[in-house]
Amino acid sequence: RLTRDPYHSSDPSQTAPVSERLFLRTLGLPALFAPNGDPIRFRVKKHVALLVYLGVEQRAGHRRDHLADFLWPRASAAEGRHSLATAISVLRAKLGREALETTRDTIRLAEGAVMVDLIRLEAGEVLADEARPELEVAAFLDGFEVDAEEFLRWKDRKQARLLPAILKAMIVLIDRCRRTAD
């Protein structure tokens, strides 16, 4: 498993440009990495789940009541909103205040605040280039489970939609290995 940001080389002799943004890995176990490639740890899996959902679904703002029900379905409305508020505070501390755009009713990850590996996958940018190493390819949120049925259904739907791109990426990587006798 990858323990560092795939946009940063673990080999100090390589001179790949360093990204100035945080990096969110969603292929395999989800993880957030600082611009220097160091992992940013979370104590609560649902905080990671919220970050992943906001990072992957970056369209318009998400309603707070939907997010509370989505991730804390067994909690009362008040408890769910409190748990969501706590998660937002944790994300702001880890990402920076400007990374989350919030209103009284909605939450959104600011555009460009976090680089998500799915962008490279969906663009077919799997192989290494002068700016970044090879993309680590695995199933979407592989091995990541939280106690929230709707989140898990969303994960399964997203995994099914991404499967063709994942398979295509694996074929590209297998072909490169064959050509280079790796």
Foldseek 3Di string as FASTA:
>chain_A
DDQWDQQEDPDPVADADFDCAWEWEFFEATWIAHSNGHTDDDPDLLLSLVVVVQVVPQDDWDFQQCSLCQAPVPDDSVVSSVVVVVSVVVCCVVQPVQQWDDDPTTIHGDPPRYHYLVVCLVVVVADDDSNGHGRDHHFGNPPRDHPGVNSVVVSVVVRVVCVVSSVSSVVVVVVVCVVVVD
